[in-house]
Protein backbone atom coordinates (compact mmCIF):
# COMPACT_ATOMS: atom_id res chain seq x y z
CA MET A 1 65.72 108.80 156.02
CA PRO A 2 62.94 108.39 158.40
CA GLY A 3 63.25 110.35 161.45
CA MET A 4 61.70 113.69 162.73
CA ARG A 5 62.01 117.21 160.87
CA ILE A 6 61.78 120.52 162.61
CA SER A 7 60.58 123.47 160.41
CA THR A 8 63.23 126.09 160.81
CA SER A 9 60.72 128.77 160.02
CA LYS A 10 58.01 127.82 162.16
CA SER A 11 59.72 127.20 165.33
CA GLU A 12 61.41 129.44 168.09
CA ALA A 13 63.41 128.68 171.04
CA MET A 14 62.68 129.97 174.42
CA VAL A 15 65.27 129.98 177.76
CA LEU A 16 63.52 129.13 181.30
CA ASP A 17 65.41 131.41 183.84
CA GLN A 18 64.72 133.90 186.37
CA LYS A 19 66.96 136.23 184.38
CA ARG A 20 67.82 137.23 180.54
CA VAL A 21 70.30 134.28 179.43
CA ALA A 22 71.51 134.21 175.95
CA CYS A 23 71.46 130.15 174.48
CA PRO A 24 71.78 130.34 170.58
CA LEU A 25 69.72 126.83 169.64
CA ARG A 26 70.68 125.81 166.13
CA VAL A 27 69.10 123.68 163.87
CA GLY A 28 70.52 122.38 160.46
CA GLY A 29 72.99 125.67 160.70
CA GLU A 30 70.31 127.88 161.41
CA VAL A 31 70.21 129.74 164.61
CA LEU A 32 66.39 129.80 166.45
CA PRO A 33 65.08 132.92 167.30
CA GLU A 34 64.76 132.94 171.03
CA VAL A 35 61.17 134.66 172.49
CA GLU A 36 60.61 135.78 176.04
CA GLU A 37 56.75 134.15 175.58
CA PHE A 38 54.78 131.79 173.45
CA LYS A 39 51.31 130.25 173.52
CA TYR A 40 50.98 126.68 173.39
CA ILE A 41 47.59 124.86 173.63
CA GLY A 42 45.76 128.21 174.87
CA VAL A 43 48.70 128.35 177.85
CA LEU A 44 50.78 131.64 177.97
CA PHE A 45 54.37 130.36 178.95
CA MET A 46 56.76 133.32 179.99
CA SER A 47 60.77 132.49 180.20
CA GLU A 48 60.96 133.59 183.57
CA GLY A 49 58.90 131.45 184.26
CA LYS A 50 55.96 133.66 186.08
CA MET A 51 52.93 132.74 185.47
CA GLU A 52 50.68 136.19 186.17
CA ARG A 53 49.60 137.41 183.04
CA GLU A 54 48.51 134.02 182.35
CA ILE A 55 46.24 134.23 185.49
CA ASP A 56 45.50 137.69 184.84
CA ARG A 57 44.21 136.57 181.21
CA GLN A 58 42.06 133.39 182.48
CA ILE A 59 40.42 135.49 184.96
CA GLY A 60 39.45 137.92 182.28
CA ALA A 61 38.35 135.34 180.05
CA ALA A 62 36.57 133.58 182.99
CA SER A 63 35.03 137.09 183.90
CA MET A 64 34.34 138.10 180.00
CA GLN A 65 31.80 135.19 179.92
CA LEU A 66 30.43 135.23 183.29
CA CYS A 67 29.37 138.66 182.36
CA GLY A 68 27.95 137.39 179.18
CA TRP A 69 26.09 134.61 181.27
CA CYS A 70 24.71 136.96 183.73
CA ALA A 71 23.28 139.24 181.15
CA GLY A 72 21.30 136.73 179.26
CA THR A 73 19.78 135.71 182.63
CA LEU A 74 18.71 139.09 183.39
CA TRP A 75 15.16 141.01 182.60
């Protein structure tokens, strides 16, 4: 049968809400594990919708690149 197949062993569910809410997602009779955060295409998503940790992570990564670049140009 054509269509999309979901691998429950590779899937997780996340509820976006300001407070923790239980919302079991069932696929093919199996309940997917709920997570508080996950990274997708290099971006960290948080269940409460905040982006502070992701912004801090990106600033840290940029600082490391900049320090490496500056260190390479000093003599």
